[in-house]
N, C-alpha and C. Protein backbone atom coordinates (compact mmCIF):
# COMPACT_ATOMS: atom_id res chain seq x y z
N MET A 1 161.49 -205.29 44.60
CA MET A 1 161.76 -206.69 44.90
C MET A 1 163.10 -206.83 45.59
N LYS A 2 163.16 -207.61 46.70
CA LYS A 2 164.40 -207.82 47.40
C LYS A 2 165.27 -208.80 46.64
N ILE A 3 166.57 -208.70 46.88
CA ILE A 3 167.51 -209.58 46.22
C ILE A 3 167.23 -211.04 46.56
N THR A 4 166.91 -211.31 47.83
CA THR A 4 166.69 -212.68 48.27
C THR A 4 165.51 -213.32 47.54
N SER A 5 164.41 -212.58 47.43
CA SER A 5 163.24 -213.12 46.74
C SER A 5 163.51 -213.30 45.25
N PHE A 6 164.32 -212.38 44.67
CA PHE A 6 164.66 -212.49 43.25
C PHE A 6 165.47 -213.76 43.00
N VAL A 7 166.42 -214.04 43.90
CA VAL A 7 167.22 -215.26 43.77
C VAL A 7 166.36 -216.51 43.91
N LYS A 8 165.39 -216.47 44.83
CA LYS A 8 164.50 -217.62 44.99
C LYS A 8 163.73 -217.89 43.72
N LYS A 9 163.26 -216.80 43.05
CA LYS A 9 162.50 -216.98 41.82
C LYS A 9 163.36 -217.60 40.74
N ILE A 10 164.63 -217.17 40.68
CA ILE A 10 165.54 -217.73 39.69
C ILE A 10 165.73 -219.23 39.95
N MET A 11 165.92 -219.60 41.24
CA MET A 11 166.11 -221.01 41.60
C MET A 11 164.88 -221.83 41.24
N ILE A 12 163.69 -221.29 41.49
CA ILE A 12 162.46 -222.01 41.16
C ILE A 12 162.35 -222.22 39.67
N ARG A 13 162.61 -221.17 38.89
CA ARG A 13 162.51 -221.28 37.43
C ARG A 13 163.52 -222.27 36.89
N ARG A 14 164.66 -222.34 37.53
CA ARG A 14 165.69 -223.27 37.06
C ARG A 14 165.23 -224.72 37.27
N LYS A 15 164.51 -224.97 38.41
CA LYS A 15 164.00 -226.31 38.66
C LYS A 15 163.04 -226.77 37.55
N TRP A 16 162.30 -225.81 37.06
CA TRP A 16 161.30 -226.15 36.04
C TRP A 16 161.85 -226.03 34.62
N GLY A 17 163.12 -225.85 34.48
CA GLY A 17 163.73 -225.91 33.15
C GLY A 17 163.79 -224.60 32.41
N PHE A 18 163.66 -223.47 33.11
CA PHE A 18 163.69 -222.17 32.45
C PHE A 18 165.08 -221.53 32.56
N VAL A 19 166.10 -222.31 32.37
CA VAL A 19 167.46 -221.79 32.51
C VAL A 19 167.75 -220.70 31.49
N GLY A 20 167.27 -220.83 30.25
CA GLY A 20 167.51 -219.84 29.20
C GLY A 20 166.95 -218.48 29.58
N ASN A 21 165.75 -218.44 30.12
CA ASN A 21 165.13 -217.18 30.53
C ASN A 21 165.91 -216.51 31.65
N VAL A 22 166.35 -217.31 32.59
CA VAL A 22 167.12 -216.76 33.70
C VAL A 22 168.41 -216.14 33.20
N PHE A 23 169.05 -216.78 32.27
CA PHE A 23 170.30 -216.29 31.71
C PHE A 23 170.09 -214.93 31.03
N ILE A 24 168.99 -214.80 30.31
CA ILE A 24 168.67 -213.53 29.63
C ILE A 24 168.43 -212.43 30.66
N ILE A 25 167.70 -212.75 31.70
CA ILE A 25 167.41 -211.76 32.74
C ILE A 25 168.70 -211.28 33.40
N ILE A 26 169.58 -212.20 33.70
CA ILE A 26 170.84 -211.83 34.34
C ILE A 26 171.67 -210.96 33.43
N LEU A 27 171.73 -211.28 32.15
CA LEU A 27 172.46 -210.46 31.19
C LEU A 27 171.90 -209.04 31.16
N PHE A 28 170.60 -208.89 31.16
CA PHE A 28 169.96 -207.58 31.12
C PHE A 28 170.33 -206.75 32.34
N ILE A 29 170.32 -207.41 33.52
CA ILE A 29 170.64 -206.71 34.76
C ILE A 29 172.09 -206.23 34.73
N VAL A 30 173.02 -207.09 34.32
CA VAL A 30 174.43 -206.72 34.25
C VAL A 30 174.65 -205.59 33.27
N SER A 31 173.99 -205.68 32.09
CA SER A 31 174.14 -204.65 31.07
C SER A 31 173.61 -203.31 31.57
N PHE A 32 172.45 -203.30 32.21
CA PHE A 32 171.86 -202.07 32.72
C PHE A 32 172.76 -201.44 33.79
N ALA A 33 173.31 -202.27 34.65
CA ALA A 33 174.19 -201.77 35.70
C ALA A 33 175.44 -201.13 35.13
N GLN A 34 175.99 -201.76 34.09
CA GLN A 34 177.19 -201.20 33.46
C GLN A 34 176.91 -199.85 32.84
N HIS A 35 175.81 -199.72 32.12
CA HIS A 35 175.47 -198.45 31.46
C HIS A 35 175.14 -197.37 32.48
N SER A 36 174.49 -197.72 33.57
CA SER A 36 174.17 -196.74 34.60
C SER A 36 175.44 -196.19 35.23
N THR A 37 176.37 -197.06 35.52
CA THR A 37 177.64 -196.63 36.10
C THR A 37 178.38 -195.73 35.14
N PHE A 38 178.40 -196.08 33.86
CA PHE A 38 179.08 -195.27 32.85
C PHE A 38 178.47 -193.88 32.75
N ALA A 39 177.14 -193.82 32.77
CA ALA A 39 176.46 -192.53 32.67
C ALA A 39 176.80 -191.63 33.86
N ARG A 40 176.84 -192.21 35.05
CA ARG A 40 177.16 -191.41 36.22
C ARG A 40 178.58 -190.86 36.17
N LYS A 41 179.49 -191.64 35.67
CA LYS A 41 180.88 -191.18 35.57
C LYS A 41 181.02 -190.02 34.61
N ILE A 42 180.33 -190.06 33.47
CA ILE A 42 180.39 -188.96 32.50
C ILE A 42 179.84 -187.69 33.12
N GLU A 43 178.74 -187.79 33.84
CA GLU A 43 178.12 -186.61 34.44
C GLU A 43 179.04 -185.93 35.44
N ARG A 44 179.85 -186.68 36.11
CA ARG A 44 180.70 -186.12 37.15
C ARG A 44 182.02 -185.58 36.63
N THR A 45 182.48 -186.01 35.47
CA THR A 45 183.83 -185.65 35.04
C THR A 45 183.89 -184.66 33.88
N VAL A 46 182.82 -184.49 33.12
CA VAL A 46 182.86 -183.58 31.98
C VAL A 46 182.89 -182.14 32.45
N ASN A 47 183.83 -181.34 31.92
CA ASN A 47 183.95 -179.92 32.27
C ASN A 47 184.04 -179.13 30.97
N VAL A 48 183.06 -178.30 30.71
CA VAL A 48 182.99 -177.58 29.44
C VAL A 48 183.51 -176.16 29.60
N LYS A 49 184.37 -175.72 28.69
CA LYS A 49 184.86 -174.34 28.67
C LYS A 49 184.49 -173.71 27.34
N TYR A 50 184.06 -172.47 27.38
CA TYR A 50 183.65 -171.76 26.18
C TYR A 50 184.67 -170.66 25.87
N PHE A 51 185.19 -170.66 24.65
CA PHE A 51 186.13 -169.65 24.19
C PHE A 51 185.51 -168.89 23.02
N PHE A 52 185.92 -167.64 22.86
CA PHE A 52 185.46 -166.87 21.70
C PHE A 52 186.60 -166.74 20.69
N PRO A 53 186.27 -166.77 19.40
CA PRO A 53 187.32 -166.58 18.39
C PRO A 53 187.83 -165.14 18.43
N LYS A 54 189.08 -164.98 18.73
CA LYS A 54 189.65 -163.66 18.95
C LYS A 54 189.45 -162.73 17.76
N ASP A 55 189.60 -163.24 16.57
CA ASP A 55 189.56 -162.40 15.37
C ASP A 55 188.16 -162.22 14.81
N GLY A 56 187.16 -162.83 15.43
CA GLY A 56 185.80 -162.71 14.93
C GLY A 56 185.11 -161.43 15.38
N THR A 57 183.86 -161.30 14.98
CA THR A 57 183.05 -160.13 15.37
C THR A 57 181.67 -160.58 15.86
N GLN A 58 181.60 -161.78 16.46
CA GLN A 58 180.32 -162.32 16.90
C GLN A 58 179.95 -161.73 18.26
N ASN A 59 179.55 -160.47 18.25
CA ASN A 59 179.14 -159.78 19.47
C ASN A 59 178.20 -158.65 19.09
N PRO A 60 177.44 -158.10 20.03
CA PRO A 60 176.43 -157.08 19.70
C PRO A 60 176.98 -155.82 19.06
N SER A 61 178.25 -155.47 19.31
CA SER A 61 178.79 -154.20 18.81
C SER A 61 179.32 -154.28 17.38
N GLY A 62 179.70 -155.48 16.96
CA GLY A 62 180.33 -155.61 15.64
C GLY A 62 181.81 -155.28 15.65
N ASP A 63 182.35 -154.85 16.81
CA ASP A 63 183.79 -154.63 16.95
C ASP A 63 184.49 -155.98 17.05
N PRO A 64 185.80 -156.00 16.92
CA PRO A 64 186.51 -157.27 17.09
C PRO A 64 186.19 -157.90 18.45
N ASN A 65 186.06 -159.22 18.46
CA ASN A 65 185.73 -159.92 19.71
C ASN A 65 186.71 -159.60 20.83
N TRP A 66 188.00 -159.54 20.49
CA TRP A 66 188.98 -159.28 21.55
C TRP A 66 188.71 -157.95 22.23
N PHE A 67 188.35 -156.93 21.48
CA PHE A 67 188.07 -155.62 22.07
C PHE A 67 186.80 -155.67 22.92
N TYR A 68 185.76 -156.27 22.39
CA TYR A 68 184.47 -156.29 23.08
C TYR A 68 184.54 -157.09 24.39
N TYR A 69 185.07 -158.30 24.32
CA TYR A 69 185.04 -159.17 25.49
C TYR A 69 186.14 -158.83 26.49
N TRP A 70 187.30 -158.44 26.05
CA TRP A 70 188.35 -158.05 26.99
C TRP A 70 187.98 -156.78 27.74
N SER A 71 187.32 -155.85 27.07
CA SER A 71 186.88 -154.63 27.76
C SER A 71 185.95 -154.99 28.91
N GLN A 72 185.03 -155.94 28.68
CA GLN A 72 184.11 -156.35 29.73
C GLN A 72 184.84 -157.12 30.83
N ALA A 73 185.70 -158.04 30.44
CA ALA A 73 186.40 -158.87 31.42
C ALA A 73 187.27 -158.01 32.34
N LEU A 74 187.89 -156.95 31.78
CA LEU A 74 188.76 -156.07 32.56
C LEU A 74 188.00 -154.90 33.19
N ARG A 75 186.68 -154.83 32.91
CA ARG A 75 185.81 -153.78 33.45
C ARG A 75 186.32 -152.39 33.07
N LEU A 76 186.64 -152.25 31.80
CA LEU A 76 187.11 -150.97 31.28
C LEU A 76 185.97 -150.28 30.54
N SER A 77 185.85 -148.99 30.75
CA SER A 77 184.84 -148.21 30.04
C SER A 77 185.50 -147.00 29.39
N ASN A 78 184.71 -146.24 28.64
CA ASN A 78 185.19 -145.05 27.93
C ASN A 78 186.24 -145.40 26.87
N LEU A 79 186.05 -146.57 26.25
CA LEU A 79 186.91 -147.01 25.15
C LEU A 79 186.09 -147.13 23.87
N SER A 80 186.72 -146.82 22.76
CA SER A 80 186.10 -147.03 21.45
C SER A 80 187.12 -147.70 20.54
N TYR A 81 186.65 -148.70 19.80
CA TYR A 81 187.55 -149.32 18.83
C TYR A 81 187.62 -148.45 17.60
N ASN A 82 188.83 -148.21 17.11
CA ASN A 82 189.03 -147.38 15.92
C ASN A 82 190.08 -148.06 15.05
N ALA A 83 189.63 -148.61 13.93
CA ALA A 83 190.55 -149.34 13.04
C ALA A 83 191.62 -148.43 12.47
N GLY A 84 191.38 -147.13 12.46
CA GLY A 84 192.36 -146.19 11.92
C GLY A 84 193.44 -145.78 12.91
N THR A 85 193.34 -146.25 14.14
CA THR A 85 194.35 -145.96 15.16
C THR A 85 195.31 -147.13 15.26
N ASN A 86 196.60 -146.83 15.36
CA ASN A 86 197.58 -147.92 15.44
C ASN A 86 197.51 -148.66 16.78
N TRP A 87 197.76 -147.93 17.86
CA TRP A 87 197.75 -148.52 19.19
C TRP A 87 196.62 -147.94 20.03
N GLY A 88 196.77 -146.71 20.45
CA GLY A 88 195.74 -146.05 21.22
C GLY A 88 195.93 -144.55 21.15
N ALA A 89 194.86 -143.80 21.36
CA ALA A 89 194.94 -142.35 21.31
C ALA A 89 193.81 -141.75 22.13
N ALA A 90 194.16 -140.79 22.98
CA ALA A 90 193.16 -140.04 23.74
C ALA A 90 193.02 -138.67 23.09
N PRO A 91 191.83 -138.32 22.61
CA PRO A 91 191.64 -137.00 21.99
C PRO A 91 192.12 -135.90 22.93
N PHE A 92 193.11 -135.14 22.50
CA PHE A 92 193.79 -134.21 23.39
C PHE A 92 192.86 -133.15 23.94
N GLY A 93 192.88 -133.01 25.27
CA GLY A 93 192.12 -131.96 25.93
C GLY A 93 190.64 -132.21 26.03
N LYS A 94 190.19 -133.45 25.77
CA LYS A 94 188.75 -133.73 25.78
C LYS A 94 188.43 -134.90 26.71
N ALA A 95 187.16 -134.96 27.10
CA ALA A 95 186.69 -136.07 27.94
C ALA A 95 186.06 -137.17 27.11
N ASP A 96 186.34 -137.17 25.81
CA ASP A 96 185.76 -138.18 24.92
C ASP A 96 186.35 -139.56 25.22
N ASN A 97 185.70 -140.58 24.65
CA ASN A 97 186.27 -141.92 24.75
C ASN A 97 187.65 -141.95 24.11
N VAL A 98 188.51 -142.81 24.63
CA VAL A 98 189.82 -142.98 24.01
C VAL A 98 189.69 -144.03 22.91
N ASN A 99 190.51 -143.90 21.89
CA ASN A 99 190.48 -144.81 20.75
C ASN A 99 191.52 -145.92 20.93
N ILE A 100 191.08 -147.14 20.66
CA ILE A 100 191.97 -148.29 20.72
C ILE A 100 192.07 -148.89 19.32
N GLY A 101 193.30 -149.05 18.86
CA GLY A 101 193.53 -149.58 17.52
C GLY A 101 193.85 -151.06 17.51
N ASN A 102 193.99 -151.61 16.31
CA ASN A 102 194.15 -153.05 16.15
C ASN A 102 195.43 -153.59 16.76
N ASN A 103 196.51 -152.82 16.70
CA ASN A 103 197.78 -153.30 17.25
C ASN A 103 197.67 -153.62 18.74
N ALA A 104 196.81 -152.90 19.43
CA ALA A 104 196.67 -153.10 20.88
C ALA A 104 196.15 -154.49 21.21
N GLY A 105 195.46 -155.12 20.29
CA GLY A 105 194.92 -156.45 20.54
C GLY A 105 195.89 -157.58 20.27
N TYR A 106 197.05 -157.23 19.74
CA TYR A 106 197.99 -158.27 19.32
C TYR A 106 199.40 -158.05 19.89
N GLY A 107 199.94 -156.84 19.67
CA GLY A 107 201.30 -156.58 20.13
C GLY A 107 202.32 -157.22 19.21
N PRO A 108 203.57 -157.35 19.66
CA PRO A 108 204.03 -156.89 20.96
C PRO A 108 204.19 -155.37 21.02
N ASP A 109 203.88 -154.79 22.17
CA ASP A 109 203.99 -153.34 22.28
C ASP A 109 205.47 -152.96 22.37
N PRO A 110 205.84 -151.79 21.89
CA PRO A 110 207.26 -151.44 21.77
C PRO A 110 208.00 -151.25 23.08
N ARG A 111 207.30 -150.98 24.18
CA ARG A 111 207.99 -150.73 25.45
C ARG A 111 208.15 -151.96 26.32
N HIS A 112 207.17 -152.85 26.27
CA HIS A 112 207.18 -153.98 27.21
C HIS A 112 207.14 -155.35 26.53
N SER A 113 207.02 -155.36 25.21
CA SER A 113 206.93 -156.62 24.45
C SER A 113 205.75 -157.48 24.88
N LEU A 114 204.68 -156.84 25.31
CA LEU A 114 203.48 -157.57 25.71
C LEU A 114 202.64 -157.94 24.50
N THR A 115 201.89 -159.03 24.63
CA THR A 115 200.99 -159.46 23.56
C THR A 115 199.61 -159.73 24.13
N GLY A 116 198.63 -159.90 23.24
CA GLY A 116 197.30 -160.31 23.65
C GLY A 116 196.64 -159.38 24.64
N ILE A 117 195.96 -159.98 25.60
CA ILE A 117 195.18 -159.20 26.56
C ILE A 117 196.06 -158.29 27.42
N ASP A 118 197.31 -158.68 27.68
CA ASP A 118 198.21 -157.83 28.46
C ASP A 118 198.58 -156.57 27.70
N CYS A 119 198.80 -156.71 26.41
CA CYS A 119 199.08 -155.55 25.56
C CYS A 119 197.87 -154.62 25.55
N PHE A 120 196.69 -155.19 25.33
CA PHE A 120 195.46 -154.40 25.32
C PHE A 120 195.26 -153.66 26.64
N PHE A 121 195.44 -154.36 27.74
CA PHE A 121 195.25 -153.78 29.07
C PHE A 121 196.19 -152.59 29.29
N THR A 122 197.45 -152.76 28.92
CA THR A 122 198.45 -151.71 29.13
C THR A 122 198.17 -150.49 28.25
N VAL A 123 197.85 -150.71 26.99
CA VAL A 123 197.55 -149.60 26.09
C VAL A 123 196.29 -148.86 26.55
N ALA A 124 195.25 -149.60 26.91
CA ALA A 124 193.99 -148.98 27.31
C ALA A 124 194.18 -148.12 28.56
N LEU A 125 194.85 -148.65 29.57
CA LEU A 125 195.05 -147.87 30.80
C LEU A 125 195.93 -146.66 30.56
N HIS A 126 196.90 -146.77 29.69
CA HIS A 126 197.76 -145.63 29.34
C HIS A 126 196.91 -144.48 28.80
N GLU A 127 196.06 -144.79 27.84
CA GLU A 127 195.24 -143.75 27.24
C GLU A 127 194.18 -143.23 28.20
N LEU A 128 193.66 -144.09 29.05
CA LEU A 128 192.68 -143.63 30.04
C LEU A 128 193.31 -142.71 31.08
N ARG A 129 194.60 -142.90 31.37
CA ARG A 129 195.28 -141.98 32.29
C ARG A 129 195.38 -140.59 31.65
N HIS A 130 195.68 -140.53 30.37
CA HIS A 130 195.65 -139.24 29.67
C HIS A 130 194.27 -138.60 29.80
N ARG A 131 193.24 -139.39 29.55
CA ARG A 131 191.87 -138.87 29.62
C ARG A 131 191.57 -138.35 31.02
N ASN A 132 192.00 -139.08 32.04
CA ASN A 132 191.76 -138.64 33.42
C ASN A 132 192.43 -137.29 33.70
N ASP A 133 193.63 -137.09 33.14
CA ASP A 133 194.31 -135.81 33.32
C ASP A 133 193.53 -134.69 32.63
N PHE A 134 193.05 -134.95 31.44
CA PHE A 134 192.26 -133.93 30.73
C PHE A 134 191.03 -133.55 31.55
N ILE A 135 190.35 -134.56 32.10
CA ILE A 135 189.14 -134.30 32.89
C ILE A 135 189.47 -133.50 34.14
N ALA A 136 190.57 -133.85 34.82
CA ALA A 136 190.96 -133.12 36.04
C ALA A 136 191.23 -131.65 35.73
N ILE A 137 191.86 -131.38 34.59
CA ILE A 137 192.16 -129.99 34.20
C ILE A 137 190.89 -129.24 33.85
N ILE A 138 189.99 -129.90 33.13
CA ILE A 138 188.73 -129.28 32.75
C ILE A 138 187.91 -128.93 34.00
N GLU A 139 187.91 -129.84 34.97
CA GLU A 139 187.14 -129.58 36.18
C GLU A 139 187.69 -128.40 36.98
N ARG A 140 189.00 -128.18 36.89
CA ARG A 140 189.60 -127.08 37.65
C ARG A 140 189.51 -125.75 36.90
N TYR A 141 189.76 -125.78 35.60
CA TYR A 141 189.85 -124.53 34.84
C TYR A 141 188.70 -124.30 33.86
N GLY A 142 187.90 -125.32 33.65
CA GLY A 142 186.79 -125.17 32.71
C GLY A 142 187.16 -125.48 31.29
N ASN A 143 188.45 -125.62 31.01
CA ASN A 143 188.89 -126.01 29.67
C ASN A 143 190.25 -126.72 29.80
N CYS A 144 190.66 -127.30 28.71
CA CYS A 144 191.95 -127.99 28.69
C CYS A 144 192.53 -127.83 27.29
N CYS A 145 193.73 -127.59 27.05
CA CYS A 145 194.77 -127.52 28.07
C CYS A 145 195.54 -126.24 27.81
N GLY A 146 195.30 -125.26 28.61
CA GLY A 146 195.85 -123.93 28.44
C GLY A 146 195.09 -123.13 27.40
N PRO A 147 195.26 -121.79 27.36
CA PRO A 147 196.05 -121.05 28.35
C PRO A 147 195.33 -121.02 29.70
N TYR A 148 196.11 -120.95 30.75
CA TYR A 148 195.58 -120.96 32.10
C TYR A 148 195.50 -119.53 32.63
N PRO A 149 194.67 -119.31 33.66
CA PRO A 149 194.49 -117.94 34.18
C PRO A 149 195.80 -117.25 34.54
N ASP A 150 196.72 -117.97 35.16
CA ASP A 150 198.00 -117.36 35.54
C ASP A 150 199.12 -118.31 35.10
N PRO A 151 199.57 -118.19 33.85
CA PRO A 151 200.58 -119.11 33.32
C PRO A 151 201.84 -119.19 34.18
N SER A 152 202.21 -118.09 34.82
CA SER A 152 203.44 -118.09 35.60
C SER A 152 203.32 -118.97 36.85
N VAL A 153 202.09 -119.21 37.28
CA VAL A 153 201.85 -120.05 38.46
C VAL A 153 201.30 -121.42 38.05
N ASP A 154 200.36 -121.41 37.13
CA ASP A 154 199.68 -122.65 36.75
C ASP A 154 200.52 -123.51 35.80
N ASP A 155 201.36 -122.89 34.98
CA ASP A 155 202.13 -123.65 34.00
C ASP A 155 203.44 -122.94 33.68
N PRO A 156 204.33 -122.85 34.66
CA PRO A 156 205.55 -122.06 34.46
C PRO A 156 206.49 -122.60 33.37
N ASP A 157 206.46 -123.91 33.10
CA ASP A 157 207.36 -124.43 32.06
C ASP A 157 206.71 -124.48 30.67
N GLY A 158 205.42 -124.11 30.60
CA GLY A 158 204.77 -123.99 29.30
C GLY A 158 204.49 -125.28 28.58
N ASP A 159 204.40 -126.38 29.31
CA ASP A 159 204.13 -127.67 28.63
C ASP A 159 202.65 -128.03 28.61
N LEU A 160 201.79 -127.10 28.99
CA LEU A 160 200.34 -127.26 29.02
C LEU A 160 199.86 -128.20 30.12
N LEU A 161 200.79 -128.78 30.87
CA LEU A 161 200.43 -129.62 32.02
C LEU A 161 200.54 -128.75 33.26
N PRO A 162 199.40 -128.43 33.90
CA PRO A 162 199.43 -127.47 35.01
C PRO A 162 200.19 -128.00 36.23
N THR A 163 200.58 -127.09 37.06
CA THR A 163 201.44 -127.40 38.20
C THR A 163 200.88 -128.50 39.09
N PHE A 164 199.57 -128.53 39.29
CA PHE A 164 199.02 -129.51 40.23
C PHE A 164 199.12 -130.94 39.70
N LEU A 165 199.45 -131.11 38.42
CA LEU A 165 199.65 -132.44 37.85
C LEU A 165 201.10 -132.68 37.38
N ASP A 166 201.82 -131.62 37.14
CA ASP A 166 203.15 -131.72 36.54
C ASP A 166 204.18 -132.20 37.55
N PRO A 167 204.85 -133.34 37.29
CA PRO A 167 205.88 -133.81 38.23
C PRO A 167 207.11 -132.90 38.26
N HIS A 168 207.30 -132.10 37.19
CA HIS A 168 208.43 -131.16 37.11
C HIS A 168 207.90 -129.84 36.54
N PRO A 169 207.19 -129.07 37.35
CA PRO A 169 206.49 -127.88 36.84
C PRO A 169 207.40 -126.79 36.29
N ASN A 170 208.66 -126.81 36.63
CA ASN A 170 209.57 -125.77 36.15
C ASN A 170 210.55 -126.26 35.10
N ASP A 171 210.30 -127.44 34.57
CA ASP A 171 211.25 -128.02 33.62
C ASP A 171 210.49 -128.81 32.56
N VAL A 172 210.56 -128.36 31.32
CA VAL A 172 209.92 -129.08 30.22
C VAL A 172 210.57 -130.46 30.08
N ASN A 173 209.76 -131.49 30.09
CA ASN A 173 210.24 -132.87 30.07
C ASN A 173 211.27 -133.11 31.18
N GLY A 174 210.92 -132.61 32.35
CA GLY A 174 211.80 -132.84 33.48
C GLY A 174 211.93 -134.31 33.84
N SER A 175 210.99 -135.13 33.37
CA SER A 175 211.06 -136.58 33.62
C SER A 175 212.16 -137.23 32.80
N GLY A 176 212.60 -136.54 31.75
CA GLY A 176 213.71 -137.04 30.94
C GLY A 176 213.39 -138.20 30.03
N LEU A 177 212.14 -138.35 29.61
CA LEU A 177 211.81 -139.44 28.70
C LEU A 177 212.50 -139.24 27.36
N SER A 178 213.11 -140.29 26.87
CA SER A 178 213.79 -140.20 25.57
C SER A 178 212.76 -140.09 24.45
N GLY A 179 213.14 -139.41 23.41
CA GLY A 179 212.24 -139.23 22.27
C GLY A 179 211.40 -137.99 22.35
N TYR A 180 211.47 -137.29 23.46
CA TYR A 180 210.67 -136.07 23.62
C TYR A 180 211.61 -134.88 23.76
N THR A 181 212.04 -134.42 22.62
CA THR A 181 212.95 -133.28 22.55
C THR A 181 212.44 -132.30 21.51
N GLY A 182 213.05 -131.15 21.49
CA GLY A 182 212.66 -130.15 20.48
C GLY A 182 211.21 -129.78 20.59
N ALA A 183 210.52 -129.81 19.45
CA ALA A 183 209.11 -129.42 19.42
C ALA A 183 208.22 -130.38 20.21
N ASP A 184 208.69 -131.60 20.47
CA ASP A 184 207.89 -132.57 21.22
C ASP A 184 208.24 -132.63 22.70
N ALA A 185 209.13 -131.77 23.15
CA ALA A 185 209.59 -131.84 24.54
C ALA A 185 208.44 -131.63 25.53
N TRP A 186 207.47 -130.80 25.18
CA TRP A 186 206.37 -130.51 26.08
C TRP A 186 205.56 -131.76 26.42
N ARG A 187 205.63 -132.77 25.58
CA ARG A 187 204.83 -133.98 25.81
C ARG A 187 205.47 -134.94 26.82
N GLY A 188 206.72 -134.71 27.17
CA GLY A 188 207.46 -135.65 28.02
C GLY A 188 206.81 -135.95 29.35
N ASP A 189 206.45 -134.89 30.08
CA ASP A 189 205.87 -135.11 31.41
C ASP A 189 204.44 -135.67 31.33
N TRP A 190 203.72 -135.31 30.27
CA TRP A 190 202.42 -135.93 30.04
C TRP A 190 202.57 -137.45 29.91
N GLU A 191 203.54 -137.84 29.09
CA GLU A 191 203.77 -139.27 28.85
C GLU A 191 204.24 -139.97 30.12
N TRP A 192 205.07 -139.30 30.87
CA TRP A 192 205.57 -139.91 32.10
C TRP A 192 204.41 -140.26 33.03
N ARG A 193 203.46 -139.36 33.14
CA ARG A 193 202.30 -139.62 34.01
C ARG A 193 201.49 -140.82 33.50
N ALA A 194 201.29 -140.89 32.19
CA ALA A 194 200.46 -141.97 31.63
C ALA A 194 201.13 -143.33 31.75
N ARG A 195 202.45 -143.35 31.88
CA ARG A 195 203.17 -144.63 31.95
C ARG A 195 203.28 -145.20 33.36
N GLN A 196 202.84 -144.44 34.34
CA GLN A 196 202.94 -144.93 35.72
C GLN A 196 202.05 -146.16 35.91
N GLY A 197 202.64 -147.19 36.49
CA GLY A 197 201.89 -148.44 36.71
C GLY A 197 202.09 -149.46 35.62
N GLU A 198 202.74 -149.09 34.52
CA GLU A 198 202.99 -150.07 33.46
C GLU A 198 204.15 -150.98 33.83
N PRO A 199 204.14 -152.22 33.28
CA PRO A 199 203.11 -152.83 32.45
C PRO A 199 201.94 -153.33 33.29
N ASN A 200 200.80 -153.51 32.64
CA ASN A 200 199.60 -153.99 33.31
C ASN A 200 199.30 -155.41 32.83
N ILE A 201 199.34 -156.35 33.74
CA ILE A 201 199.16 -157.74 33.40
C ILE A 201 197.76 -158.20 33.81
N ALA A 202 197.02 -158.74 32.86
CA ALA A 202 195.65 -159.19 33.13
C ALA A 202 195.65 -160.57 33.78
N PRO A 203 194.70 -160.84 34.67
CA PRO A 203 194.59 -162.19 35.26
C PRO A 203 194.35 -163.23 34.17
N THR A 204 195.02 -164.35 34.27
CA THR A 204 194.89 -165.40 33.26
C THR A 204 193.46 -165.91 33.17
N ASN A 205 192.76 -166.03 34.29
CA ASN A 205 191.45 -166.68 34.29
C ASN A 205 190.33 -165.84 33.70
N ILE A 206 190.62 -164.64 33.20
CA ILE A 206 189.56 -163.86 32.55
C ILE A 206 189.76 -163.79 31.04
N ASP A 207 190.79 -164.43 30.54
CA ASP A 207 191.06 -164.40 29.10
C ASP A 207 190.48 -165.65 28.46
N TRP A 208 189.35 -165.48 27.77
CA TRP A 208 188.68 -166.61 27.11
C TRP A 208 188.79 -166.52 25.59
N ALA A 209 189.84 -165.85 25.12
CA ALA A 209 190.05 -165.73 23.68
C ALA A 209 190.72 -166.98 23.14
N HIS A 210 190.46 -167.24 21.87
CA HIS A 210 191.15 -168.30 21.14
C HIS A 210 191.81 -167.68 19.91
N PRO A 211 193.16 -167.54 19.94
CA PRO A 211 194.07 -167.97 20.99
C PRO A 211 194.11 -166.95 22.14
N GLY A 212 194.58 -167.42 23.30
CA GLY A 212 194.67 -166.55 24.46
C GLY A 212 195.40 -167.26 25.58
N LYS A 213 195.39 -166.66 26.75
CA LYS A 213 196.16 -167.20 27.88
C LYS A 213 195.67 -168.58 28.34
N GLN A 214 194.37 -168.83 28.22
CA GLN A 214 193.84 -170.10 28.73
C GLN A 214 193.68 -171.16 27.65
N TRP A 215 193.85 -170.77 26.41
CA TRP A 215 193.69 -171.77 25.34
C TRP A 215 194.85 -172.76 25.39
N PRO A 216 194.53 -174.05 25.37
CA PRO A 216 195.60 -175.07 25.52
C PRO A 216 196.72 -174.93 24.50
């Protein structure tokens, strides 16, 4: 029905004394228009965001949510959650999954004071770098880590890190990392390699934990 014809009908009904009916019709039209406008505005402005409870275990693996979902968001593989590990650990000389402990999901980590997903990202990549070194050695020598076929050439400083990976092949802990002296000196250059690229900061828009980087 056109507006003009609708108005004519109202005028005719008014002549015959149907003013009450016309008033009701007009009220209905105004009310319907108001509700329609309101509905359209809600449809256009509502934006829903879904967060997961960081400390929960509502996921297929039963591991902590932060471990399960952050691993996927950061596209990290070869990780296993291990409640008995403090931060992270790569089984020495093996290509096994690295273990990530509960501290990695919270922090702050002792070197960079990172928390949350940034702490997790940095710890995970550190341990995966160790794993990558183990795999590279296994692929070259068939085993890891030492003894090598020619120790005087492959590992002259005796730190079990072969020359092709060792930043200081003739000097145990030639990188000079503090805390690696005496019986632990051989670990210095291994650690130096694993720390390259730290700290690792995760993009804010992939953290959907509550609490987390995007939680208000």
